Amino acid sequence: MFCVSMLEWQNMNLLHEKFENGEHVSPQLEDTVKNYLIDIDGTICDDIPNEEPERMVTAQVYPDALETINKWYNEGHQICFFTARTEEHRTVTETWLREHGFKYHTLLFGKPRGGNYHWIDNHLVRATRYNGKFTDLVKRNHVIEVFDD
């Protein structure tokens, strides 16, 4: 099993203390380590709705997803699968990930369904929409919505 607990993850010396204005704030990863939050259905395998859990067992892995995600894991990046599947689907999901050889650190259930996500956080957030092919990430400039300064 490639999954580690949150305590083990924090003990891997990846998170570092941070201070702002003399106050201790949430720890942060080094700039060289990415925190990948990756959806499952429709991103690394067939898009299967929660209402048809029997299909989750036979979901087909998308080309290059396994190789790319495991490469990121091996490079020292954090891999978290963040899915709209529910806790009822935990066993089938963990079994499927293990049987297909996905390496990951955490697995989070209950992502809101429906897409059109707009993530607001006090940490830097980069979003990448999956469009059918896993590759190394490239840099592009795009217009984005931000808070007014």
N, C-alpha and C. Protein backbone atom coordinates (compact mmCIF):
# COMPACT_ATOMS: atom_id res chain seq x y z
N MET A 1 0.85 -1.18 0.00
CA MET A 1 0.00 0.00 0.00
C MET A 1 0.89 1.23 0.00
N PHE A 2 0.59 2.19 -0.86
CA PHE A 2 1.41 3.38 -1.01
C PHE A 2 0.91 4.56 -0.19
N CYS A 3 -0.23 4.45 0.46
CA CYS A 3 -0.82 5.54 1.21
C CYS A 3 -0.18 5.67 2.59
N VAL A 4 0.11 6.90 3.00
CA VAL A 4 0.66 7.13 4.34
C VAL A 4 -0.31 8.01 5.11
N SER A 5 -0.25 7.96 6.42
CA SER A 5 -1.13 8.79 7.24
C SER A 5 -0.66 10.24 7.22
N MET A 6 -1.55 11.14 7.63
CA MET A 6 -1.21 12.56 7.68
C MET A 6 -0.03 12.80 8.61
N LEU A 7 0.02 12.10 9.74
CA LEU A 7 1.13 12.24 10.68
C LEU A 7 2.45 11.83 10.02
N GLU A 8 2.44 10.69 9.31
CA GLU A 8 3.66 10.26 8.62
C GLU A 8 4.08 11.29 7.57
N TRP A 9 3.10 11.86 6.86
CA TRP A 9 3.36 12.85 5.82
C TRP A 9 4.05 14.07 6.43
N GLN A 10 3.53 14.56 7.54
CA GLN A 10 4.12 15.73 8.18
C GLN A 10 5.51 15.42 8.71
N ASN A 11 5.74 14.18 9.12
CA ASN A 11 7.04 13.80 9.66
C ASN A 11 8.09 13.57 8.59
N MET A 12 7.70 13.64 7.33
CA MET A 12 8.66 13.44 6.25
C MET A 12 9.50 14.69 5.99
N ASN A 13 9.39 15.69 6.86
CA ASN A 13 10.14 16.95 6.73
C ASN A 13 9.81 17.71 5.46
N LEU A 14 8.62 17.51 4.93
CA LEU A 14 8.21 18.26 3.75
C LEU A 14 7.56 19.59 4.13
N LEU A 15 6.91 19.61 5.28
CA LEU A 15 6.28 20.83 5.74
C LEU A 15 7.25 21.60 6.63
N HIS A 16 7.29 22.90 6.43
CA HIS A 16 8.19 23.74 7.19
C HIS A 16 7.40 24.83 7.92
N GLU A 17 7.84 25.14 9.13
CA GLU A 17 7.20 26.20 9.89
C GLU A 17 7.28 27.50 9.13
N LYS A 18 6.25 28.32 9.32
CA LYS A 18 6.20 29.61 8.65
C LYS A 18 5.72 30.66 9.65
N PHE A 19 6.30 31.85 9.54
CA PHE A 19 5.92 32.96 10.40
C PHE A 19 5.59 34.16 9.53
N GLU A 20 4.53 34.87 9.89
CA GLU A 20 4.17 36.12 9.23
C GLU A 20 3.90 37.16 10.31
N ASN A 21 4.56 38.31 10.21
CA ASN A 21 4.40 39.37 11.20
C ASN A 21 4.65 38.86 12.62
N GLY A 22 5.62 37.97 12.76
CA GLY A 22 5.97 37.43 14.06
C GLY A 22 5.02 36.37 14.59
N GLU A 23 3.99 36.01 13.80
CA GLU A 23 3.00 35.01 14.22
C GLU A 23 3.25 33.69 13.50
N HIS A 24 3.09 32.61 14.25
CA HIS A 24 3.19 31.27 13.66
C HIS A 24 1.93 31.03 12.84
N VAL A 25 2.09 30.65 11.55
CA VAL A 25 0.95 30.36 10.67
C VAL A 25 1.09 28.94 10.14
N SER A 26 0.14 28.52 9.33
CA SER A 26 0.14 27.16 8.79
C SER A 26 1.46 26.82 8.12
N PRO A 27 1.97 25.61 8.34
CA PRO A 27 3.23 25.21 7.70
C PRO A 27 3.06 25.14 6.19
N GLN A 28 4.18 25.16 5.48
CA GLN A 28 4.14 25.21 4.03
C GLN A 28 5.17 24.26 3.44
N LEU A 29 4.86 23.71 2.28
CA LEU A 29 5.80 22.88 1.55
C LEU A 29 6.89 23.75 0.94
N GLU A 30 8.03 23.14 0.68
CA GLU A 30 9.09 23.85 -0.05
C GLU A 30 8.57 24.19 -1.44
N ASP A 31 9.11 25.24 -2.04
CA ASP A 31 8.66 25.67 -3.37
C ASP A 31 8.86 24.60 -4.44
N THR A 32 9.81 23.70 -4.23
CA THR A 32 10.10 22.67 -5.24
C THR A 32 9.15 21.48 -5.18
N VAL A 33 8.31 21.42 -4.14
CA VAL A 33 7.37 20.30 -3.98
C VAL A 33 5.96 20.77 -4.32
N LYS A 34 5.31 20.05 -5.22
CA LYS A 34 3.93 20.37 -5.59
C LYS A 34 2.97 19.47 -4.82
N ASN A 35 1.82 20.01 -4.52
CA ASN A 35 0.75 19.32 -3.82
C ASN A 35 -0.33 19.04 -4.87
N TYR A 36 -0.29 17.89 -5.52
CA TYR A 36 -1.25 17.58 -6.57
C TYR A 36 -2.55 17.08 -5.96
N LEU A 37 -3.67 17.74 -6.26
CA LEU A 37 -5.00 17.26 -5.93
C LEU A 37 -5.61 16.78 -7.24
N ILE A 38 -5.86 15.49 -7.34
CA ILE A 38 -6.25 14.88 -8.61
C ILE A 38 -7.59 14.19 -8.46
N ASP A 39 -8.51 14.52 -9.33
CA ASP A 39 -9.81 13.87 -9.37
C ASP A 39 -9.63 12.44 -9.90
N ILE A 40 -10.61 11.59 -9.69
CA ILE A 40 -10.53 10.22 -10.16
C ILE A 40 -11.40 10.03 -11.40
N ASP A 41 -12.72 10.06 -11.23
CA ASP A 41 -13.64 9.77 -12.34
C ASP A 41 -13.59 10.85 -13.41
N GLY A 42 -13.28 10.43 -14.63
CA GLY A 42 -13.18 11.35 -15.75
C GLY A 42 -11.84 12.04 -15.84
N THR A 43 -10.92 11.72 -14.92
CA THR A 43 -9.59 12.34 -14.93
C THR A 43 -8.49 11.29 -15.04
N ILE A 44 -8.56 10.24 -14.23
CA ILE A 44 -7.56 9.16 -14.35
C ILE A 44 -8.19 7.88 -14.88
N CYS A 45 -9.52 7.87 -14.98
CA CYS A 45 -10.21 6.67 -15.49
C CYS A 45 -11.57 7.07 -16.03
N ASP A 46 -12.32 6.05 -16.49
CA ASP A 46 -13.67 6.28 -16.99
C ASP A 46 -14.46 7.14 -16.02
N ASP A 47 -15.33 7.98 -16.56
CA ASP A 47 -16.17 8.86 -15.74
C ASP A 47 -17.40 8.09 -15.29
N ILE A 48 -17.40 7.70 -14.01
CA ILE A 48 -18.47 6.86 -13.47
C ILE A 48 -19.20 7.63 -12.37
N PRO A 49 -20.54 7.77 -12.49
CA PRO A 49 -21.27 8.49 -11.44
C PRO A 49 -21.41 7.66 -10.17
N ASN A 50 -21.56 8.33 -9.06
CA ASN A 50 -21.72 7.65 -7.77
C ASN A 50 -22.91 6.71 -7.75
N GLU A 51 -23.91 6.98 -8.58
CA GLU A 51 -25.11 6.17 -8.60
C GLU A 51 -24.89 4.80 -9.25
N GLU A 52 -23.70 4.58 -9.84
CA GLU A 52 -23.39 3.30 -10.49
C GLU A 52 -22.07 2.73 -9.94
N PRO A 53 -21.99 2.51 -8.62
CA PRO A 53 -20.72 2.08 -8.02
C PRO A 53 -20.21 0.73 -8.52
N GLU A 54 -21.08 -0.11 -9.03
CA GLU A 54 -20.64 -1.41 -9.53
C GLU A 54 -19.68 -1.25 -10.72
N ARG A 55 -19.75 -0.15 -11.44
CA ARG A 55 -18.85 0.10 -12.57
C ARG A 55 -17.47 0.55 -12.12
N MET A 56 -17.32 1.01 -10.87
CA MET A 56 -16.03 1.50 -10.39
C MET A 56 -14.97 0.41 -10.38
N VAL A 57 -15.39 -0.82 -10.18
CA VAL A 57 -14.47 -1.97 -10.12
C VAL A 57 -13.77 -2.19 -11.46
N THR A 58 -14.47 -1.93 -12.55
CA THR A 58 -13.94 -2.23 -13.88
C THR A 58 -13.52 -0.98 -14.66
N ALA A 59 -13.44 0.16 -13.98
CA ALA A 59 -13.05 1.40 -14.66
C ALA A 59 -11.69 1.24 -15.34
N GLN A 60 -11.59 1.75 -16.55
CA GLN A 60 -10.36 1.68 -17.32
C GLN A 60 -9.49 2.90 -17.04
N VAL A 61 -8.20 2.66 -16.79
CA VAL A 61 -7.25 3.75 -16.54
C VAL A 61 -7.03 4.52 -17.84
N TYR A 62 -7.02 5.84 -17.77
CA TYR A 62 -6.74 6.66 -18.93
C TYR A 62 -5.25 6.57 -19.29
N PRO A 63 -4.94 6.61 -20.59
CA PRO A 63 -3.55 6.53 -21.03
C PRO A 63 -2.67 7.57 -20.35
N ASP A 64 -1.52 7.16 -19.93
CA ASP A 64 -0.48 8.00 -19.33
C ASP A 64 -0.79 8.50 -17.92
N ALA A 65 -2.00 8.28 -17.40
CA ALA A 65 -2.32 8.77 -16.05
C ALA A 65 -1.45 8.07 -15.00
N LEU A 66 -1.39 6.75 -15.05
CA LEU A 66 -0.62 6.00 -14.06
C LEU A 66 0.86 6.38 -14.11
N GLU A 67 1.42 6.38 -15.30
CA GLU A 67 2.85 6.69 -15.46
C GLU A 67 3.18 8.11 -14.99
N THR A 68 2.36 9.08 -15.36
CA THR A 68 2.63 10.47 -15.01
C THR A 68 2.48 10.71 -13.51
N ILE A 69 1.40 10.21 -12.91
CA ILE A 69 1.17 10.42 -11.48
C ILE A 69 2.24 9.73 -10.65
N ASN A 70 2.60 8.49 -11.02
CA ASN A 70 3.66 7.79 -10.27
C ASN A 70 5.01 8.48 -10.45
N LYS A 71 5.24 9.09 -11.59
CA LYS A 71 6.48 9.86 -11.81
C LYS A 71 6.52 11.05 -10.85
N TRP A 72 5.40 11.77 -10.74
CA TRP A 72 5.34 12.90 -9.82
C TRP A 72 5.57 12.43 -8.39
N TYR A 73 4.98 11.31 -8.01
CA TYR A 73 5.16 10.74 -6.67
C TYR A 73 6.64 10.44 -6.44
N ASN A 74 7.26 9.76 -7.41
CA ASN A 74 8.68 9.38 -7.29
C ASN A 74 9.60 10.59 -7.26
N GLU A 75 9.18 11.71 -7.84
CA GLU A 75 9.97 12.95 -7.81
C GLU A 75 9.84 13.67 -6.47
N GLY A 76 8.99 13.16 -5.58
CA GLY A 76 8.85 13.74 -4.26
C GLY A 76 7.66 14.67 -4.08
N HIS A 77 6.80 14.77 -5.09
CA HIS A 77 5.61 15.60 -4.98
C HIS A 77 4.54 14.85 -4.19
N GLN A 78 3.61 15.60 -3.63
CA GLN A 78 2.52 15.02 -2.85
C GLN A 78 1.34 14.71 -3.77
N ILE A 79 0.82 13.51 -3.68
CA ILE A 79 -0.30 13.08 -4.51
C ILE A 79 -1.50 12.85 -3.61
N CYS A 80 -2.56 13.61 -3.86
CA CYS A 80 -3.81 13.46 -3.13
C CYS A 80 -4.93 13.28 -4.14
N PHE A 81 -5.60 12.15 -4.07
CA PHE A 81 -6.79 11.97 -4.91
C PHE A 81 -7.95 12.61 -4.16
N PHE A 82 -8.64 13.53 -4.83
CA PHE A 82 -9.74 14.30 -4.26
C PHE A 82 -10.95 14.04 -5.15
N THR A 83 -11.89 13.25 -4.64
CA THR A 83 -12.95 12.72 -5.48
C THR A 83 -14.34 13.06 -4.95
N ALA A 84 -15.31 13.12 -5.85
CA ALA A 84 -16.71 13.31 -5.47
C ALA A 84 -17.34 12.00 -5.01
N ARG A 85 -16.58 10.91 -5.10
CA ARG A 85 -17.09 9.66 -4.55
C ARG A 85 -17.31 9.85 -3.05
N THR A 86 -18.16 9.03 -2.47
CA THR A 86 -18.48 9.16 -1.05
C THR A 86 -17.71 8.11 -0.24
N GLU A 87 -17.77 8.25 1.08
CA GLU A 87 -17.11 7.27 1.96
C GLU A 87 -17.60 5.85 1.69
N GLU A 88 -18.84 5.69 1.22
CA GLU A 88 -19.35 4.37 0.86
C GLU A 88 -18.48 3.70 -0.21
N HIS A 89 -17.78 4.51 -0.98
CA HIS A 89 -16.96 4.00 -2.09
C HIS A 89 -15.49 3.82 -1.70
N ARG A 90 -15.14 4.01 -0.43
CA ARG A 90 -13.74 3.95 0.00
C ARG A 90 -13.09 2.61 -0.35
N THR A 91 -13.70 1.51 0.03
CA THR A 91 -13.06 0.20 -0.19
C THR A 91 -12.83 -0.07 -1.67
N VAL A 92 -13.85 0.14 -2.50
CA VAL A 92 -13.69 -0.13 -3.93
C VAL A 92 -12.66 0.81 -4.54
N THR A 93 -12.61 2.05 -4.06
CA THR A 93 -11.66 3.03 -4.61
C THR A 93 -10.22 2.69 -4.22
N GLU A 94 -9.99 2.39 -2.93
CA GLU A 94 -8.64 2.03 -2.49
C GLU A 94 -8.17 0.75 -3.17
N THR A 95 -9.05 -0.21 -3.31
CA THR A 95 -8.69 -1.47 -3.99
C THR A 95 -8.34 -1.21 -5.44
N TRP A 96 -9.14 -0.41 -6.13
CA TRP A 96 -8.90 -0.10 -7.54
C TRP A 96 -7.56 0.62 -7.71
N LEU A 97 -7.29 1.62 -6.88
CA LEU A 97 -6.02 2.35 -6.97
C LEU A 97 -4.84 1.41 -6.74
N ARG A 98 -4.95 0.56 -5.73
CA ARG A 98 -3.87 -0.39 -5.41
C ARG A 98 -3.67 -1.39 -6.55
N GLU A 99 -4.76 -1.98 -7.04
CA GLU A 99 -4.65 -2.98 -8.10
C GLU A 99 -4.07 -2.41 -9.39
N HIS A 100 -4.28 -1.12 -9.62
CA HIS A 100 -3.73 -0.50 -10.83
C HIS A 100 -2.35 0.11 -10.59
N GLY A 101 -1.87 0.10 -9.34
CA GLY A 101 -0.51 0.53 -9.05
C GLY A 101 -0.32 2.02 -8.84
N PHE A 102 -1.38 2.75 -8.54
CA PHE A 102 -1.24 4.18 -8.30
C PHE A 102 -0.57 4.42 -6.95
N LYS A 103 0.44 5.28 -6.95
CA LYS A 103 1.11 5.70 -5.71
C LYS A 103 0.49 7.03 -5.28
N TYR A 104 0.17 7.13 -4.00
CA TYR A 104 -0.43 8.37 -3.51
C TYR A 104 -0.20 8.48 -2.01
N HIS A 105 -0.44 9.68 -1.50
CA HIS A 105 -0.27 9.96 -0.08
C HIS A 105 -1.59 10.03 0.66
N THR A 106 -2.58 10.69 0.04
CA THR A 106 -3.87 10.85 0.69
C THR A 106 -5.00 10.65 -0.31
N LEU A 107 -6.18 10.34 0.24
CA LEU A 107 -7.38 10.12 -0.55
C LEU A 107 -8.53 10.81 0.17
N LEU A 108 -9.12 11.81 -0.47
CA LEU A 108 -10.20 12.58 0.13
C LEU A 108 -11.50 12.36 -0.64
N PHE A 109 -12.55 12.09 0.09
CA PHE A 109 -13.87 11.87 -0.50
C PHE A 109 -14.75 13.10 -0.27
N GLY A 110 -15.83 13.20 -1.04
CA GLY A 110 -16.83 14.23 -0.80
C GLY A 110 -16.59 15.55 -1.52
N LYS A 111 -15.77 15.55 -2.56
CA LYS A 111 -15.60 16.78 -3.36
C LYS A 111 -16.97 17.16 -3.91
N PRO A 112 -17.32 18.43 -3.90
CA PRO A 112 -18.62 18.82 -4.45
C PRO A 112 -18.75 18.38 -5.91
N ARG A 113 -19.95 17.95 -6.27
CA ARG A 113 -20.19 17.50 -7.64
C ARG A 113 -20.62 18.68 -8.51
N GLY A 114 -20.42 18.55 -9.80
CA GLY A 114 -20.97 19.53 -10.74
C GLY A 114 -19.96 20.41 -11.44
N GLY A 115 -18.71 20.36 -11.05
CA GLY A 115 -17.70 21.16 -11.73
C GLY A 115 -17.83 22.65 -11.45
N ASN A 116 -17.30 23.46 -12.37
CA ASN A 116 -17.29 24.92 -12.26
C ASN A 116 -16.69 25.37 -10.93
N TYR A 117 -15.59 24.73 -10.54
CA TYR A 117 -14.94 25.00 -9.26
C TYR A 117 -14.20 26.34 -9.27
N HIS A 118 -14.28 27.02 -8.17
CA HIS A 118 -13.49 28.24 -7.96
C HIS A 118 -12.92 28.13 -6.56
N TRP A 119 -11.65 27.83 -6.46
CA TRP A 119 -10.99 27.55 -5.19
C TRP A 119 -10.42 28.84 -4.62
N ILE A 120 -10.79 29.15 -3.39
CA ILE A 120 -10.29 30.33 -2.69
C ILE A 120 -9.47 29.85 -1.50
N ASP A 121 -8.23 30.28 -1.41
CA ASP A 121 -7.31 29.78 -0.38
C ASP A 121 -6.29 30.87 -0.08
N ASN A 122 -5.68 30.81 1.11
CA ASN A 122 -4.63 31.77 1.42
C ASN A 122 -3.27 31.31 0.91
N HIS A 123 -3.22 30.12 0.32
CA HIS A 123 -1.99 29.61 -0.29
C HIS A 123 -2.11 29.68 -1.81
N LEU A 124 -0.98 29.68 -2.48
CA LEU A 124 -0.95 29.70 -3.93
C LEU A 124 -1.69 28.48 -4.48
N VAL A 125 -2.58 28.72 -5.43
CA VAL A 125 -3.35 27.64 -6.07
C VAL A 125 -3.13 27.73 -7.57
N ARG A 126 -2.77 26.62 -8.16
CA ARG A 126 -2.67 26.51 -9.61
C ARG A 126 -3.66 25.45 -10.04
N ALA A 127 -4.44 25.73 -11.06
CA ALA A 127 -5.44 24.77 -11.52
C ALA A 127 -5.10 24.32 -12.93
N THR A 128 -5.28 23.04 -13.19
CA THR A 128 -5.06 22.47 -14.51
C THR A 128 -6.26 21.63 -14.86
N ARG A 129 -6.93 21.98 -15.93
CA ARG A 129 -8.09 21.20 -16.35
C ARG A 129 -7.62 20.02 -17.19
N TYR A 130 -8.10 18.83 -16.84
CA TYR A 130 -7.75 17.63 -17.60
C TYR A 130 -8.57 17.62 -18.88
N ASN A 131 -7.87 17.50 -20.00
CA ASN A 131 -8.54 17.49 -21.31
C ASN A 131 -8.23 16.23 -22.10
N GLY A 132 -8.05 15.11 -21.43
CA GLY A 132 -7.91 13.86 -22.14
C GLY A 132 -6.52 13.31 -22.30
N LYS A 133 -5.50 13.99 -21.76
CA LYS A 133 -4.14 13.49 -21.92
C LYS A 133 -3.28 13.93 -20.75
N PHE A 134 -2.60 12.97 -20.12
CA PHE A 134 -1.64 13.28 -19.06
C PHE A 134 -0.27 13.46 -19.69
N THR A 135 0.38 14.60 -19.39
CA THR A 135 1.74 14.86 -19.85
C THR A 135 2.43 15.63 -18.73
N ASP A 136 3.70 15.91 -18.90
CA ASP A 136 4.35 16.86 -18.00
C ASP A 136 3.63 18.19 -18.17
N LEU A 137 3.57 18.97 -17.11
CA LEU A 137 2.89 20.26 -17.18
C LEU A 137 3.78 21.29 -17.87
N VAL A 138 3.14 22.18 -18.63
CA VAL A 138 3.85 23.26 -19.31
C VAL A 138 3.28 24.58 -18.81
N LYS A 139 4.05 25.66 -18.96
CA LYS A 139 3.60 26.97 -18.51
C LYS A 139 2.94 27.71 -19.66
N ARG A 140 1.76 28.31 -19.36
CA ARG A 140 1.04 29.14 -20.32
C ARG A 140 0.45 30.32 -19.57
N ASN A 141 0.30 31.43 -20.25
CA ASN A 141 -0.34 32.60 -19.65
C ASN A 141 -1.81 32.63 -20.04
N HIS A 142 -2.68 32.82 -19.04
CA HIS A 142 -4.11 32.91 -19.27
C HIS A 142 -4.70 33.99 -18.39
N VAL A 143 -5.83 34.52 -18.79
CA VAL A 143 -6.55 35.50 -17.98
C VAL A 143 -7.29 34.72 -16.89
N ILE A 144 -7.15 35.17 -15.64
CA ILE A 144 -7.82 34.52 -14.53
C ILE A 144 -8.57 35.56 -13.69
N GLU A 145 -9.54 35.09 -12.91
CA GLU A 145 -10.25 35.95 -11.99
C GLU A 145 -9.54 35.96 -10.65
N VAL A 146 -9.32 37.15 -10.09
CA VAL A 146 -8.67 37.30 -8.79
C VAL A 146 -9.42 38.35 -7.99
N PHE A 147 -9.14 38.43 -6.68
CA PHE A 147 -9.70 39.47 -5.84
C PHE A 147 -9.09 40.82 -6.21
N ASP A 148 -9.85 41.88 -6.10
CA ASP A 148 -9.36 43.22 -6.36
C ASP A 148 -8.41 43.63 -5.25
N ASP A 149 -7.27 44.19 -5.60
CA ASP A 149 -6.31 44.65 -4.60
C ASP A 149 -6.84 45.90 -3.97
